[in-house]
Amino acid sequence: MKASDRIPPHTPVSLRMDVNGPWLIRTVQLLGEGEVVRVEELASEQGFEIAVECKQPITEMEEPFSC
């Protein structure tokens, strides 16, 4: 995943991902929790790539997310 800020390794994180594409009827919203296991700076100060080890399989949200 990409992040604009450096997130230190071993930081617990909660994830929400919106997956869409021409093969999907609707946007699928996925939830997950895990821990940052790797951080790499992108070229030209464009942010960071992070790897997260999930605690359990990522699941689809039952209800749409709203603010």
PDB file of N, CA and C in Angstrom:
ATOM      1  N   MET A   1       0.837  -1.159   0.000  1.00  0.00           N
ATOM      2  CA  MET A   1       0.000   0.000   0.000  1.00  0.00           C
ATOM      3  C   MET A   1       0.884   1.225   0.000  1.00  0.00           C
ATOM      4  N   LYS A   2       0.310   2.379  -0.302  1.00  0.00           N
ATOM      5  CA  LYS A   2       1.054   3.635  -0.286  1.00  0.00           C
ATOM      6  C   LYS A   2       0.518   4.523   0.827  1.00  0.00           C
ATOM      7  N   ALA A   3       1.423   5.304   1.417  1.00  0.00           N
ATOM      8  CA  ALA A   3       1.059   6.250   2.467  1.00  0.00           C
ATOM      9  C   ALA A   3       1.832   7.538   2.251  1.00  0.00           C
ATOM     10  N   SER A   4       1.232   8.658   2.603  1.00  0.00           N
ATOM     11  CA  SER A   4       1.922   9.942   2.443  1.00  0.00           C
ATOM     12  C   SER A   4       2.918  10.179   3.572  1.00  0.00           C
ATOM     13  N   ASP A   5       2.702   9.546   4.728  1.00  0.00           N
ATOM     14  CA  ASP A   5       3.594   9.699   5.885  1.00  0.00           C
ATOM     15  C   ASP A   5       4.273   8.376   6.200  1.00  0.00           C
ATOM     16  N   ARG A   6       5.463   8.466   6.799  1.00  0.00           N
ATOM     17  CA  ARG A   6       6.170   7.253   7.221  1.00  0.00           C
ATOM     18  C   ARG A   6       5.432   6.661   8.421  1.00  0.00           C
ATOM     19  N   ILE A   7       5.100   5.394   8.339  1.00  0.00           N
ATOM     20  CA  ILE A   7       4.455   4.685   9.441  1.00  0.00           C
ATOM     21  C   ILE A   7       5.483   3.687   9.964  1.00  0.00           C
ATOM     22  N   PRO A   8       5.883   3.808  11.219  1.00  0.00           N
ATOM     23  CA  PRO A   8       6.942   2.938  11.744  1.00  0.00           C
ATOM     24  C   PRO A   8       6.540   1.457  11.741  1.00  0.00           C
ATOM     25  N   PRO A   9       7.517   0.573  11.500  1.00  0.00           N
ATOM     26  CA  PRO A   9       7.246  -0.859  11.607  1.00  0.00           C
ATOM     27  C   PRO A   9       6.663  -1.193  12.983  1.00  0.00           C
ATOM     28  N   HIS A  10       5.848  -2.225  13.027  1.00  0.00           N
ATOM     29  CA  HIS A  10       5.184  -2.740  14.230  1.00  0.00           C
ATOM     30  C   HIS A  10       4.019  -1.867  14.679  1.00  0.00           C
ATOM     31  N   THR A  11       3.652  -0.844  13.879  1.00  0.00           N
ATOM     32  CA  THR A  11       2.495  -0.017  14.205  1.00  0.00           C
ATOM     33  C   THR A  11       1.223  -0.784  13.858  1.00  0.00           C
ATOM     34  N   PRO A  12       0.274  -0.899  14.804  1.00  0.00           N
ATOM     35  CA  PRO A  12      -1.001  -1.518  14.467  1.00  0.00           C
ATOM     36  C   PRO A  12      -1.805  -0.584  13.556  1.00  0.00           C
ATOM     37  N   VAL A  13      -2.466  -1.154  12.545  1.00  0.00           N
ATOM     38  CA  VAL A  13      -3.246  -0.348  11.608  1.00  0.00           C
ATOM     39  C   VAL A  13      -4.602  -1.002  11.346  1.00  0.00           C
ATOM     40  N   SER A  14      -5.575  -0.166  11.022  1.00  0.00           N
ATOM     41  CA  SER A  14      -6.881  -0.619  10.532  1.00  0.00           C
ATOM     42  C   SER A  14      -6.974  -0.179   9.084  1.00  0.00           C
ATOM     43  N   LEU A  15      -7.497  -1.035   8.227  1.00  0.00           N
ATOM     44  CA  LEU A  15      -7.538  -0.765   6.799  1.00  0.00           C
ATOM     45  C   LEU A  15      -8.973  -0.738   6.295  1.00  0.00           C
ATOM     46  N   ARG A  16      -9.234   0.158   5.359  1.00  0.00           N
ATOM     47  CA  ARG A  16     -10.482   0.140   4.597  1.00  0.00           C
ATOM     48  C   ARG A  16     -10.096   0.380   3.155  1.00  0.00           C
ATOM     49  N   MET A  17     -10.438  -0.555   2.284  1.00  0.00           N
ATOM     50  CA  MET A  17     -10.091  -0.445   0.874  1.00  0.00           C
ATOM     51  C   MET A  17     -11.356  -0.486   0.032  1.00  0.00           C
ATOM     52  N   ASP A  18     -11.426   0.390  -0.960  1.00  0.00           N
ATOM     53  CA  ASP A  18     -12.510   0.372  -1.930  1.00  0.00           C
ATOM     54  C   ASP A  18     -11.974  -0.241  -3.213  1.00  0.00           C
ATOM     55  N   VAL A  19     -12.560  -1.341  -3.654  1.00  0.00           N
ATOM     56  CA  VAL A  19     -12.118  -2.047  -4.855  1.00  0.00           C
ATOM     57  C   VAL A  19     -13.202  -1.886  -5.914  1.00  0.00           C
ATOM     58  N   ASN A  20     -12.796  -1.383  -7.092  1.00  0.00           N
ATOM     59  CA  ASN A  20     -13.762  -1.252  -8.174  1.00  0.00           C
ATOM     60  C   ASN A  20     -13.076  -1.566  -9.494  1.00  0.00           C
ATOM     61  N   GLY A  21     -13.856  -1.781 -10.493  1.00  0.00           N
ATOM     62  CA  GLY A  21     -13.321  -2.083 -11.814  1.00  0.00           C
ATOM     63  C   GLY A  21     -14.450  -2.474 -12.749  1.00  0.00           C
ATOM     64  N   PRO A  22     -14.131  -2.604 -14.020  1.00  0.00           N
ATOM     65  CA  PRO A  22     -15.167  -2.906 -15.008  1.00  0.00           C
ATOM     66  C   PRO A  22     -15.804  -4.280 -14.798  1.00  0.00           C
ATOM     67  N   TRP A  23     -15.160  -5.178 -14.097  1.00  0.00           N
ATOM     68  CA  TRP A  23     -15.678  -6.523 -13.881  1.00  0.00           C
ATOM     69  C   TRP A  23     -16.594  -6.612 -12.655  1.00  0.00           C
ATOM     70  N   LEU A  24     -16.712  -5.515 -11.880  1.00  0.00           N
ATOM     71  CA  LEU A  24     -17.554  -5.512 -10.687  1.00  0.00           C
ATOM     72  C   LEU A  24     -18.847  -4.741 -10.941  1.00  0.00           C
ATOM     73  N   ILE A  25     -19.935  -5.214 -10.384  1.00  0.00           N
ATOM     74  CA  ILE A  25     -21.224  -4.523 -10.503  1.00  0.00           C
ATOM     75  C   ILE A  25     -21.237  -3.276  -9.614  1.00  0.00           C
ATOM     76  N   ARG A  26     -20.581  -3.374  -8.445  1.00  0.00           N
ATOM     77  CA  ARG A  26     -20.539  -2.259  -7.503  1.00  0.00           C
ATOM     78  C   ARG A  26     -19.162  -2.218  -6.850  1.00  0.00           C
ATOM     79  N   THR A  27     -18.859  -1.110  -6.211  1.00  0.00           N
ATOM     80  CA  THR A  27     -17.616  -1.004  -5.450  1.00  0.00           C
ATOM     81  C   THR A  27     -17.696  -1.926  -4.244  1.00  0.00           C
ATOM     82  N   VAL A  28     -16.643  -2.690  -4.005  1.00  0.00           N
ATOM     83  CA  VAL A  28     -16.572  -3.585  -2.855  1.00  0.00           C
ATOM     84  C   VAL A  28     -15.694  -2.910  -1.809  1.00  0.00           C
ATOM     85  N   GLN A  29     -16.193  -2.818  -0.582  1.00  0.00           N
ATOM     86  CA  GLN A  29     -15.435  -2.214   0.506  1.00  0.00           C
ATOM     87  C   GLN A  29     -14.915  -3.324   1.415  1.00  0.00           C
ATOM     88  N   LEU A  30     -13.595  -3.343   1.622  1.00  0.00           N
ATOM     89  CA  LEU A  30     -12.950  -4.369   2.426  1.00  0.00           C
ATOM     90  C   LEU A  30     -12.390  -3.764   3.710  1.00  0.00           C
ATOM     91  N   LEU A  31     -12.432  -4.538   4.795  1.00  0.00           N
ATOM     92  CA  LEU A  31     -11.892  -4.119   6.084  1.00  0.00           C
ATOM     93  C   LEU A  31     -10.829  -5.109   6.533  1.00  0.00           C
ATOM     94  N   GLY A  32      -9.830  -4.599   7.247  1.00  0.00           N
ATOM     95  CA  GLY A  32      -8.810  -5.464   7.809  1.00  0.00           C
ATOM     96  C   GLY A  32      -8.054  -4.766   8.921  1.00  0.00           C
ATOM     97  N   GLU A  33      -7.349  -5.559   9.716  1.00  0.00           N
ATOM     98  CA  GLU A  33      -6.481  -5.042  10.767  1.00  0.00           C
ATOM     99  C   GLU A  33      -5.176  -5.799  10.709  1.00  0.00           C
ATOM    100  N   GLY A  34      -4.095  -5.116  11.044  1.00  0.00           N
ATOM    101  CA  GLY A  34      -2.801  -5.777  11.018  1.00  0.00           C
ATOM    102  C   GLY A  34      -1.716  -4.911  11.617  1.00  0.00           C
ATOM    103  N   GLU A  35      -0.489  -5.214  11.205  1.00  0.00           N
ATOM    104  CA  GLU A  35       0.688  -4.525  11.728  1.00  0.00           C
ATOM    105  C   GLU A  35       1.643  -4.231  10.573  1.00  0.00           C
ATOM    106  N   VAL A  36       2.202  -3.035  10.568  1.00  0.00           N
ATOM    107  CA  VAL A  36       3.171  -2.651   9.535  1.00  0.00           C
ATOM    108  C   VAL A  36       4.429  -3.503   9.711  1.00  0.00           C
ATOM    109  N   VAL A  37       4.867  -4.153   8.623  1.00  0.00           N
ATOM    110  CA  VAL A  37       6.059  -5.005   8.689  1.00  0.00           C
ATOM    111  C   VAL A  37       7.207  -4.486   7.827  1.00  0.00           C
ATOM    112  N   ARG A  38       6.926  -3.565   6.892  1.00  0.00           N
ATOM    113  CA  ARG A  38       8.004  -3.009   6.054  1.00  0.00           C
ATOM    114  C   ARG A  38       7.584  -1.636   5.548  1.00  0.00           C
ATOM    115  N   VAL A  39       8.562  -0.718   5.473  1.00  0.00           N
ATOM    116  CA  VAL A  39       8.331   0.640   4.972  1.00  0.00           C
ATOM    117  C   VAL A  39       9.468   0.982   4.022  1.00  0.00           C
ATOM    118  N   GLU A  40       9.131   1.448   2.814  1.00  0.00           N
ATOM    119  CA  GLU A  40      10.143   1.863   1.839  1.00  0.00           C
ATOM    120  C   GLU A  40       9.757   3.221   1.277  1.00  0.00           C
ATOM    121  N   GLU A  41      10.718   4.138   1.252  1.00  0.00           N
ATOM    122  CA  GLU A  41      10.449   5.472   0.715  1.00  0.00           C
ATOM    123  C   GLU A  41      10.387   5.423  -0.808  1.00  0.00           C
ATOM    124  N   LEU A  42       9.405   6.092  -1.379  1.00  0.00           N
ATOM    125  CA  LEU A  42       9.274   6.184  -2.831  1.00  0.00           C
ATOM    126  C   LEU A  42      10.219   7.242  -3.360  1.00  0.00           C
ATOM    127  N   ALA A  43      10.580   7.154  -4.632  1.00  0.00           N
ATOM    128  CA  ALA A  43      11.473   8.128  -5.269  1.00  0.00           C
ATOM    129  C   ALA A  43      10.836   9.511  -5.273  1.00  0.00           C
ATOM    130  N   SER A  44      11.648  10.528  -5.260  1.00  0.00           N
ATOM    131  CA  SER A  44      11.217  11.925  -5.391  1.00  0.00           C
ATOM    132  C   SER A  44      10.247  12.365  -4.297  1.00  0.00           C
ATOM    133  N   GLU A  45      10.429  11.852  -3.092  1.00  0.00           N
ATOM    134  CA  GLU A  45       9.604  12.268  -1.952  1.00  0.00           C
ATOM    135  C   GLU A  45       8.101  12.162  -2.241  1.00  0.00           C
ATOM    136  N   GLN A  46       7.689  11.075  -2.890  1.00  0.00           N
ATOM    137  CA  GLN A  46       6.284  10.881  -3.253  1.00  0.00           C
ATOM    138  C   GLN A  46       5.542  10.027  -2.244  1.00  0.00           C
ATOM    139  N   GLY A  47       6.104   9.829  -1.064  1.00  0.00           N
ATOM    140  CA  GLY A  47       5.438   9.046  -0.033  1.00  0.00           C
ATOM    141  C   GLY A  47       6.189   7.764   0.265  1.00  0.00           C
ATOM    142  N   PHE A  48       5.451   6.786   0.779  1.00  0.00           N
ATOM    143  CA  PHE A  48       6.043   5.541   1.239  1.00  0.00           C
ATOM    144  C   PHE A  48       5.192   4.354   0.810  1.00  0.00           C
ATOM    145  N   GLU A  49       5.858   3.251   0.528  1.00  0.00           N
ATOM    146  CA  GLU A  49       5.165   1.991   0.321  1.00  0.00           C
ATOM    147  C   GLU A  49       5.262   1.235   1.629  1.00  0.00           C
ATOM    148  N   ILE A  50       4.152   0.659   2.053  1.00  0.00           N
ATOM    149  CA  ILE A  50       4.160  -0.086   3.306  1.00  0.00           C
ATOM    150  C   ILE A  50       3.590  -1.484   3.069  1.00  0.00           C
ATOM    151  N   ALA A  51       4.102  -2.432   3.817  1.00  0.00           N
ATOM    152  CA  ALA A  51       3.576  -3.801   3.803  1.00  0.00           C
ATOM    153  C   ALA A  51       2.945  -4.058   5.159  1.00  0.00           C
ATOM    154  N   VAL A  52       1.762  -4.650   5.144  1.00  0.00           N
ATOM    155  CA  VAL A  52       1.023  -4.923   6.375  1.00  0.00           C
ATOM    156  C   VAL A  52       0.765  -6.424   6.481  1.00  0.00           C
ATOM    157  N   GLU A  53       1.058  -6.981   7.643  1.00  0.00           N
ATOM    158  CA  GLU A  53       0.710  -8.370   7.935  1.00  0.00           C
ATOM    159  C   GLU A  53      -0.651  -8.340   8.618  1.00  0.00           C
ATOM    160  N   CYS A  54      -1.631  -8.968   7.990  1.00  0.00           N
ATOM    161  CA  CYS A  54      -2.994  -8.959   8.536  1.00  0.00           C
ATOM    162  C   CYS A  54      -3.136  -9.976   9.661  1.00  0.00           C
ATOM    163  N   LYS A  55      -3.935  -9.615  10.680  1.00  0.00           N
ATOM    164  CA  LYS A  55      -4.183 -10.494  11.817  1.00  0.00           C
ATOM    165  C   LYS A  55      -5.124 -11.636  11.438  1.00  0.00           C
ATOM    166  N   GLN A  56      -6.025 -11.381  10.487  1.00  0.00           N
ATOM    167  CA  GLN A  56      -6.989 -12.364  10.025  1.00  0.00           C
ATOM    168  C   GLN A  56      -7.336 -12.021   8.592  1.00  0.00           C
ATOM    169  N   PRO A  57      -8.041 -12.875   7.881  1.00  0.00           N
ATOM    170  CA  PRO A  57      -8.398 -12.555   6.499  1.00  0.00           C
ATOM    171  C   PRO A  57      -9.196 -11.252   6.405  1.00  0.00           C
ATOM    172  N   ILE A  58      -8.964 -10.510   5.346  1.00  0.00           N
ATOM    173  CA  ILE A  58      -9.700  -9.267   5.096  1.00  0.00           C
ATOM    174  C   ILE A  58     -11.139  -9.636   4.746  1.00  0.00           C
ATOM    175  N   THR A  59     -12.103  -8.870   5.278  1.00  0.00           N
ATOM    176  CA  THR A  59     -13.512  -9.178   5.063  1.00  0.00           C
ATOM    177  C   THR A  59     -14.213  -8.031   4.346  1.00  0.00           C
ATOM    178  N   GLU A  60     -15.310  -8.369   3.668  1.00  0.00           N
ATOM    179  CA  GLU A  60     -16.120  -7.351   3.008  1.00  0.00           C
ATOM    180  C   GLU A  60     -17.058  -6.724   4.021  1.00  0.00           C
ATOM    181  N   MET A  61     -17.202  -5.389   3.940  1.00  0.00           N
ATOM    182  CA  MET A  61     -18.124  -4.678   4.823  1.00  0.00           C
ATOM    183  C   MET A  61     -19.554  -5.063   4.463  1.00  0.00           C
ATOM    184  N   GLU A  62     -20.380  -5.240   5.478  1.00  0.00           N
ATOM    185  CA  GLU A  62     -21.792  -5.561   5.262  1.00  0.00           C
ATOM    186  C   GLU A  62     -22.583  -4.321   4.866  1.00  0.00           C
ATOM    187  N   GLU A  63     -22.306  -3.188   5.489  1.00  0.00           N
ATOM    188  CA  GLU A  63     -23.014  -1.942   5.225  1.00  0.00           C
ATOM    189  C   GLU A  63     -22.053  -0.953   4.598  1.00  0.00           C
ATOM    190  N   PRO A  64     -22.487  -0.121   3.656  1.00  0.00           N
ATOM    191  CA  PRO A  64     -21.617   0.899   3.071  1.00  0.00           C
ATOM    192  C   PRO A  64     -21.093   1.866   4.128  1.00  0.00           C
ATOM    193  N   PHE A  65     -19.870   2.310   3.961  1.00  0.00           N
ATOM    194  CA  PHE A  65     -19.241   3.259   4.867  1.00  0.00           C
ATOM    195  C   PHE A  65     -19.753   4.652   4.571  1.00  0.00           C
ATOM    196  N   SER A  66     -20.084   5.403   5.584  1.00  0.00           N
ATOM    197  CA  SER A  66     -20.508   6.791   5.380  1.00  0.00           C
ATOM    198  C   SER A  66     -19.979   7.645   6.518  1.00  0.00           C
ATOM    199  N   CYS A  67     -19.791   8.907   6.243  1.00  0.00           N
ATOM    200  CA  CYS A  67     -19.288   9.845   7.255  1.00  0.00           C
ATOM    201  C   CYS A  67     -20.433  10.535   7.948  1.00  0.00           C
TER     202      CYS A  67
END
